[in-house]
Amino acid sequence: MLIGDVVGSRLAADRVELHRAVAAALKRIAAGAIDPPRFTVGDEFQGSYPTVGAAIDAAMSLRLLVAPNIDVRFGIGWGATTVLDAKAGIQDGPGWWAARDAIEQTAAAQRQPGFALTRTTFRTAEDSRDDVAAINAALLCRDHLLGSLDDRSLRILKGLMSNRTKKELAAAEGISPSAVSQRASRDGLDLIVVAGQYLRSVP
């Protein structure tokens, strides 16, 4: 189960455009979903995926699709869910509550010194998995790296995640391939890509 919302949405200059941009991004991460993600209340959205890795990958993809203009946070929950209202997309059950707890933990972490860049938390229903701590450790590190990128590095990362070559990205940015490689090394862009591949495979 994936629950997400827009950070600081009330401060947006154009909330209609914000909603439109996120809605378009949600459609692009619907492939492979059990329940495609969609808005539920306000700027909050939810959906479900067959694996934790698929939900993590969807969250990362959405972040990159709307960055840097829109910031989003997520809670990912593992456990059974029940659809209460299919038309409205309202769900319940241990997995939903785990995701709800996770996004609340994400919001709380953002207010702590040293954790301001946290955007994703994973929780399970009861003690149903033994990899929660390891997954959250990886998410914390990836979120910190991602949140530390400037706009150019974000664009390059988006390109790398789309399997574009560094030579192609250099041409698009008007810089040398060497400069792209140096930036990828300095900012951990290659590391983020590889971490994403590992996390995508989590069952």
C-alpha atoms as a PDB file:
ATOM      1  CA  MET A   1       0.000   0.000   0.000  1.00  0.00           C
ATOM      2  CA  LEU A   2       1.321   3.426  -0.974  1.00  0.00           C
ATOM      3  CA  ILE A   3       0.017   6.661   0.524  1.00  0.00           C
ATOM      4  CA  GLY A   4       1.476  10.001  -0.486  1.00  0.00           C
ATOM      5  CA  ASP A   5       0.812  13.699  -0.196  1.00  0.00           C
ATOM      6  CA  VAL A   6       2.238  16.996  -1.371  1.00  0.00           C
ATOM      7  CA  VAL A   7       4.561  18.774   1.048  1.00  0.00           C
ATOM      8  CA  GLY A   8       3.513  22.373   1.698  1.00  0.00           C
ATOM      9  CA  SER A   9       0.644  22.249  -0.788  1.00  0.00           C
ATOM     10  CA  ARG A  10      -1.225  25.044   1.001  1.00  0.00           C
ATOM     11  CA  LEU A  11       1.580  27.427   0.099  1.00  0.00           C
ATOM     12  CA  ALA A  12       1.375  26.675  -3.633  1.00  0.00           C
ATOM     13  CA  ALA A  13       0.729  29.728  -5.788  1.00  0.00           C
ATOM     14  CA  ASP A  14      -1.466  27.732  -8.172  1.00  0.00           C
ATOM     15  CA  ARG A  15      -3.098  24.764  -6.450  1.00  0.00           C
ATOM     16  CA  VAL A  16      -5.074  23.834  -9.584  1.00  0.00           C
ATOM     17  CA  GLU A  17      -1.874  23.479 -11.606  1.00  0.00           C
ATOM     18  CA  LEU A  18      -0.229  21.560  -8.740  1.00  0.00           C
ATOM     19  CA  HIS A  19      -3.135  19.108  -8.647  1.00  0.00           C
ATOM     20  CA  ARG A  20      -3.043  18.722 -12.424  1.00  0.00           C
ATOM     21  CA  ALA A  21       0.701  18.019 -12.463  1.00  0.00           C
ATOM     22  CA  VAL A  22       0.502  15.402  -9.713  1.00  0.00           C
ATOM     23  CA  ALA A  23      -2.550  13.757 -11.312  1.00  0.00           C
ATOM     24  CA  ALA A  24      -0.653  13.440 -14.599  1.00  0.00           C
ATOM     25  CA  ALA A  25       2.322  11.920 -12.772  1.00  0.00           C
ATOM     26  CA  LEU A  26       0.064   9.451 -10.957  1.00  0.00           C
ATOM     27  CA  LYS A  27      -1.149   8.132 -14.321  1.00  0.00           C
ATOM     28  CA  ARG A  28       2.458   7.510 -15.329  1.00  0.00           C
ATOM     29  CA  ILE A  29       3.163   5.304 -12.293  1.00  0.00           C
ATOM     30  CA  ALA A  30      -0.021   3.257 -12.638  1.00  0.00           C
ATOM     31  CA  ALA A  31       1.552   0.461 -14.700  1.00  0.00           C
ATOM     32  CA  GLY A  32       1.744  -2.740 -12.683  1.00  0.00           C
ATOM     33  CA  ALA A  33      -0.368  -1.400  -9.816  1.00  0.00           C
ATOM     34  CA  ILE A  34      -3.027  -3.570  -8.198  1.00  0.00           C
ATOM     35  CA  ASP A  35      -5.044  -0.419  -7.515  1.00  0.00           C
ATOM     36  CA  PRO A  36      -3.721   2.495  -9.591  1.00  0.00           C
ATOM     37  CA  PRO A  37      -2.811   5.480  -7.425  1.00  0.00           C
ATOM     38  CA  ARG A  38      -5.304   8.336  -7.341  1.00  0.00           C
ATOM     39  CA  PHE A  39      -6.301  11.281  -5.190  1.00  0.00           C
ATOM     40  CA  THR A  40      -8.497  10.545  -2.184  1.00  0.00           C
ATOM     41  CA  VAL A  41      -8.763  13.690  -0.029  1.00  0.00           C
ATOM     42  CA  GLY A  42      -7.201  17.053  -0.833  1.00  0.00           C
ATOM     43  CA  ASP A  43      -3.638  16.542  -2.063  1.00  0.00           C
ATOM     44  CA  GLU A  44      -3.364  13.016  -0.649  1.00  0.00           C
ATOM     45  CA  PHE A  45      -3.290   9.994  -2.940  1.00  0.00           C
ATOM     46  CA  GLN A  46      -3.054   6.250  -2.511  1.00  0.00           C
ATOM     47  CA  GLY A  47      -2.648   3.065  -4.491  1.00  0.00           C
ATOM     48  CA  SER A  48      -1.394  -0.476  -4.050  1.00  0.00           C
ATOM     49  CA  TYR A  49       1.325  -2.524  -5.724  1.00  0.00           C
ATOM     50  CA  PRO A  50       2.136  -6.247  -5.746  1.00  0.00           C
ATOM     51  CA  THR A  51       5.480  -5.869  -3.939  1.00  0.00           C
ATOM     52  CA  VAL A  52       7.184  -3.444  -1.589  1.00  0.00           C
ATOM     53  CA  GLY A  53       9.845  -2.891  -4.256  1.00  0.00           C
ATOM     54  CA  ALA A  54       7.226  -1.901  -6.814  1.00  0.00           C
ATOM     55  CA  ALA A  55       5.722   0.618  -4.374  1.00  0.00           C
ATOM     56  CA  ILE A  56       9.160   2.051  -3.566  1.00  0.00           C
ATOM     57  CA  ASP A  57       9.931   2.362  -7.282  1.00  0.00           C
ATOM     58  CA  ALA A  58       6.583   4.061  -7.936  1.00  0.00           C
ATOM     59  CA  ALA A  59       7.268   6.571  -5.148  1.00  0.00           C
ATOM     60  CA  MET A  60      10.715   7.346  -6.529  1.00  0.00           C
ATOM     61  CA  SER A  61       9.372   7.709 -10.065  1.00  0.00           C
ATOM     62  CA  LEU A  62       6.677  10.105  -8.904  1.00  0.00           C
ATOM     63  CA  ARG A  63       9.188  12.225  -6.998  1.00  0.00           C
ATOM     64  CA  LEU A  64      11.341  12.586 -10.086  1.00  0.00           C
ATOM     65  CA  LEU A  65       8.372  13.296 -12.354  1.00  0.00           C
ATOM     66  CA  VAL A  66       7.254  16.317 -10.327  1.00  0.00           C
ATOM     67  CA  ALA A  67      10.640  17.556  -9.058  1.00  0.00           C
ATOM     68  CA  PRO A  68      11.902  20.168  -8.495  1.00  0.00           C
ATOM     69  CA  ASN A  69       8.701  22.224  -8.476  1.00  0.00           C
ATOM     70  CA  ILE A  70       6.605  19.861  -6.340  1.00  0.00           C
ATOM     71  CA  ASP A  71       7.748  17.995  -3.239  1.00  0.00           C
ATOM     72  CA  VAL A  72       5.993  14.804  -2.122  1.00  0.00           C
ATOM     73  CA  ARG A  73       6.300  12.405   0.806  1.00  0.00           C
ATOM     74  CA  PHE A  74       5.228   8.799   1.165  1.00  0.00           C
ATOM     75  CA  GLY A  75       4.228   6.033   3.498  1.00  0.00           C
ATOM     76  CA  ILE A  76       4.508   2.442   2.305  1.00  0.00           C
ATOM     77  CA  GLY A  77       2.673  -0.294   4.195  1.00  0.00           C
ATOM     78  CA  TRP A  78       2.810  -4.077   3.949  1.00  0.00           C
ATOM     79  CA  GLY A  79      -0.249  -6.110   4.827  1.00  0.00           C
ATOM     80  CA  ALA A  80      -3.751  -7.058   3.769  1.00  0.00           C
ATOM     81  CA  THR A  81      -6.087  -4.310   2.567  1.00  0.00           C
ATOM     82  CA  THR A  82      -9.836  -4.130   2.080  1.00  0.00           C
ATOM     83  CA  VAL A  83     -11.618  -1.885  -0.406  1.00  0.00           C
ATOM     84  CA  LEU A  84     -14.422  -0.019   1.356  1.00  0.00           C
ATOM     85  CA  ASP A  85     -15.470   2.144  -1.571  1.00  0.00           C
ATOM     86  CA  ALA A  86     -14.113   1.195  -4.990  1.00  0.00           C
ATOM     87  CA  LYS A  87     -15.484   4.325  -6.669  1.00  0.00           C
ATOM     88  CA  ALA A  88     -13.865   6.688  -4.166  1.00  0.00           C
ATOM     89  CA  GLY A  89     -10.763   4.532  -3.763  1.00  0.00           C
ATOM     90  CA  ILE A  90     -11.201   4.249   0.004  1.00  0.00           C
ATOM     91  CA  GLN A  91      -9.390   1.309   1.594  1.00  0.00           C
ATOM     92  CA  ASP A  92      -8.897  -0.152   5.056  1.00  0.00           C
ATOM     93  CA  GLY A  93      -7.109  -3.052   6.678  1.00  0.00           C
ATOM     94  CA  PRO A  94      -3.691  -3.703   8.280  1.00  0.00           C
ATOM     95  CA  GLY A  95      -1.738  -2.727   5.153  1.00  0.00           C
ATOM     96  CA  TRP A  96      -3.570   0.587   4.847  1.00  0.00           C
ATOM     97  CA  TRP A  97      -3.011   1.425   8.492  1.00  0.00           C
ATOM     98  CA  ALA A  98       0.654   0.493   8.185  1.00  0.00           C
ATOM     99  CA  ALA A  99       0.977   2.923   5.271  1.00  0.00           C
ATOM    100  CA  ARG A 100      -0.901   5.587   7.241  1.00  0.00           C
ATOM    101  CA  ASP A 101       1.477   5.135  10.166  1.00  0.00           C
ATOM    102  CA  ALA A 102       4.418   5.263   7.753  1.00  0.00           C
ATOM    103  CA  ILE A 103       3.475   8.599   6.172  1.00  0.00           C
ATOM    104  CA  GLU A 104       2.876  10.078   9.618  1.00  0.00           C
ATOM    105  CA  GLN A 105       6.360   8.867  10.581  1.00  0.00           C
ATOM    106  CA  THR A 106       7.748  10.513   7.454  1.00  0.00           C
ATOM    107  CA  ALA A 107       6.139  13.836   8.370  1.00  0.00           C
ATOM    108  CA  ALA A 108       7.430  13.560  11.944  1.00  0.00           C
ATOM    109  CA  ALA A 109      10.953  12.721  10.780  1.00  0.00           C
ATOM    110  CA  GLN A 110      11.035  15.813   8.552  1.00  0.00           C
ATOM    111  CA  ARG A 111      10.710  17.972  11.662  1.00  0.00           C
ATOM    112  CA  GLN A 112      13.771  16.425  13.338  1.00  0.00           C
ATOM    113  CA  PRO A 113      17.264  17.923  12.991  1.00  0.00           C
ATOM    114  CA  GLY A 114      19.254  15.911  10.454  1.00  0.00           C
ATOM    115  CA  PHE A 115      16.184  14.215   8.964  1.00  0.00           C
ATOM    116  CA  ALA A 116      14.608  17.126   7.078  1.00  0.00           C
ATOM    117  CA  LEU A 117      15.153  15.439   3.703  1.00  0.00           C
ATOM    118  CA  THR A 118      13.296  12.251   4.677  1.00  0.00           C
ATOM    119  CA  ARG A 119      10.453  11.572   2.260  1.00  0.00           C
ATOM    120  CA  THR A 120       9.720   7.816   2.444  1.00  0.00           C
ATOM    121  CA  THR A 121       9.028   5.412   5.319  1.00  0.00           C
ATOM    122  CA  PHE A 122       8.107   1.723   5.300  1.00  0.00           C
ATOM    123  CA  ARG A 123       5.975  -0.018   7.929  1.00  0.00           C
ATOM    124  CA  THR A 124       4.352  -3.430   8.225  1.00  0.00           C
ATOM    125  CA  ALA A 125       1.237  -4.782   9.837  1.00  0.00           C
ATOM    126  CA  GLU A 126       2.494  -6.202  13.149  1.00  0.00           C
ATOM    127  CA  ASP A 127       5.783  -8.135  12.762  1.00  0.00           C
ATOM    128  CA  SER A 128       5.080  -9.664   9.371  1.00  0.00           C
ATOM    129  CA  ARG A 129       8.568  -9.015   7.882  1.00  0.00           C
ATOM    130  CA  ASP A 130      12.132  -9.001   9.153  1.00  0.00           C
ATOM    131  CA  ASP A 131      13.561  -6.531   6.606  1.00  0.00           C
ATOM    132  CA  VAL A 132      11.831  -3.330   7.752  1.00  0.00           C
ATOM    133  CA  ALA A 133      14.908  -1.782   9.386  1.00  0.00           C
ATOM    134  CA  ALA A 134      17.143  -2.553   6.392  1.00  0.00           C
ATOM    135  CA  ILE A 135      14.645  -1.088   3.911  1.00  0.00           C
ATOM    136  CA  ASN A 136      14.190   2.069   5.975  1.00  0.00           C
ATOM    137  CA  ALA A 137      17.963   2.479   6.287  1.00  0.00           C
ATOM    138  CA  ALA A 138      18.251   2.381   2.497  1.00  0.00           C
ATOM    139  CA  LEU A 139      15.333   4.790   2.073  1.00  0.00           C
ATOM    140  CA  LEU A 140      16.799   7.277   4.549  1.00  0.00           C
ATOM    141  CA  CYS A 141      20.122   7.354   2.718  1.00  0.00           C
ATOM    142  CA  ARG A 142      18.531   7.570  -0.723  1.00  0.00           C
ATOM    143  CA  ASP A 143      16.168  10.346   0.354  1.00  0.00           C
ATOM    144  CA  HIS A 144      19.071  12.340   1.793  1.00  0.00           C
ATOM    145  CA  LEU A 145      21.069  12.019  -1.420  1.00  0.00           C
ATOM    146  CA  LEU A 146      18.065  12.888  -3.579  1.00  0.00           C
ATOM    147  CA  GLY A 147      17.092  15.851  -1.434  1.00  0.00           C
ATOM    148  CA  SER A 148      20.628  17.252  -1.648  1.00  0.00           C
ATOM    149  CA  LEU A 149      20.671  17.517  -5.453  1.00  0.00           C
ATOM    150  CA  ASP A 150      20.522  20.790  -7.347  1.00  0.00           C
ATOM    151  CA  ASP A 151      18.276  21.210 -10.394  1.00  0.00           C
ATOM    152  CA  ARG A 152      20.923  20.140 -12.921  1.00  0.00           C
ATOM    153  CA  SER A 153      21.796  16.984 -11.012  1.00  0.00           C
ATOM    154  CA  LEU A 154      18.081  16.198 -10.745  1.00  0.00           C
ATOM    155  CA  ARG A 155      17.725  16.494 -14.519  1.00  0.00           C
ATOM    156  CA  ILE A 156      20.736  14.262 -15.066  1.00  0.00           C
ATOM    157  CA  LEU A 157      19.399  11.723 -12.580  1.00  0.00           C
ATOM    158  CA  LYS A 158      16.049  11.656 -14.371  1.00  0.00           C
ATOM    159  CA  GLY A 159      17.912  10.949 -17.585  1.00  0.00           C
ATOM    160  CA  LEU A 160      19.997   8.181 -16.035  1.00  0.00           C
ATOM    161  CA  MET A 161      16.869   6.589 -14.587  1.00  0.00           C
ATOM    162  CA  SER A 162      15.412   6.661 -18.122  1.00  0.00           C
ATOM    163  CA  ASN A 163      18.500   4.829 -19.473  1.00  0.00           C
ATOM    164  CA  ARG A 164      19.845   7.835 -21.357  1.00  0.00           C
ATOM    165  CA  THR A 165      23.606   7.863 -21.790  1.00  0.00           C
ATOM    166  CA  LYS A 166      25.837  10.411 -20.124  1.00  0.00           C
ATOM    167  CA  LYS A 167      26.891  11.595 -23.575  1.00  0.00           C
ATOM    168  CA  GLU A 168      23.254  12.313 -24.465  1.00  0.00           C
ATOM    169  CA  LEU A 169      22.693  14.073 -21.152  1.00  0.00           C
ATOM    170  CA  ALA A 170      25.833  16.156 -21.601  1.00  0.00           C
ATOM    171  CA  ALA A 171      24.579  17.365 -24.983  1.00  0.00           C
ATOM    172  CA  ALA A 172      21.192  18.240 -23.511  1.00  0.00           C
ATOM    173  CA  GLU A 173      22.829  20.202 -20.685  1.00  0.00           C
ATOM    174  CA  GLY A 174      25.398  21.896 -22.894  1.00  0.00           C
ATOM    175  CA  ILE A 175      28.312  20.518 -20.880  1.00  0.00           C
ATOM    176  CA  SER A 176      30.993  17.908 -21.486  1.00  0.00           C
ATOM    177  CA  PRO A 177      30.482  14.175 -20.849  1.00  0.00           C
ATOM    178  CA  SER A 178      33.335  14.452 -18.367  1.00  0.00           C
ATOM    179  CA  ALA A 179      31.413  17.103 -16.425  1.00  0.00           C
ATOM    180  CA  VAL A 180      28.363  14.813 -16.291  1.00  0.00           C
ATOM    181  CA  SER A 181      30.507  11.916 -15.044  1.00  0.00           C
ATOM    182  CA  GLN A 182      32.132  14.122 -12.404  1.00  0.00           C
ATOM    183  CA  ARG A 183      28.745  15.366 -11.228  1.00  0.00           C
ATOM    184  CA  ALA A 184      27.347  11.812 -11.159  1.00  0.00           C
ATOM    185  CA  SER A 185      30.274  10.725  -8.992  1.00  0.00           C
ATOM    186  CA  ARG A 186      30.247  13.773  -6.717  1.00  0.00           C
ATOM    187  CA  ASP A 187      26.483  13.804  -6.113  1.00  0.00           C
ATOM    188  CA  GLY A 188      26.016  10.040  -5.934  1.00  0.00           C
ATOM    189  CA  LEU A 189      23.785   9.864  -9.013  1.00  0.00           C
ATOM    190  CA  ASP A 190      25.085   6.469 -10.123  1.00  0.00           C
ATOM    191  CA  LEU A 191      24.653   5.250  -6.552  1.00  0.00           C
ATOM    192  CA  ILE A 192      20.998   6.403  -6.514  1.00  0.00           C
ATOM    193  CA  VAL A 193      20.361   4.534  -9.766  1.00  0.00           C
ATOM    194  CA  VAL A 194      21.909   1.301  -8.450  1.00  0.00           C
ATOM    195  CA  ALA A 195      20.135   1.634  -5.096  1.00  0.00           C
ATOM    196  CA  GLY A 196      16.877   1.981  -7.010  1.00  0.00           C
ATOM    197  CA  GLN A 197      17.573  -1.249  -8.861  1.00  0.00           C
ATOM    198  CA  TYR A 198      18.200  -3.100  -5.599  1.00  0.00           C
ATOM    199  CA  LEU A 199      15.134  -1.643  -3.911  1.00  0.00           C
ATOM    200  CA  ARG A 200      12.960  -2.431  -6.922  1.00  0.00           C
ATOM    201  CA  SER A 201      13.678  -6.136  -6.388  1.00  0.00           C
ATOM    202  CA  VAL A 202      12.417  -6.199  -2.778  1.00  0.00           C
ATOM    203  CA  PRO A 203       9.508  -8.689  -2.582  1.00  0.00           C
END
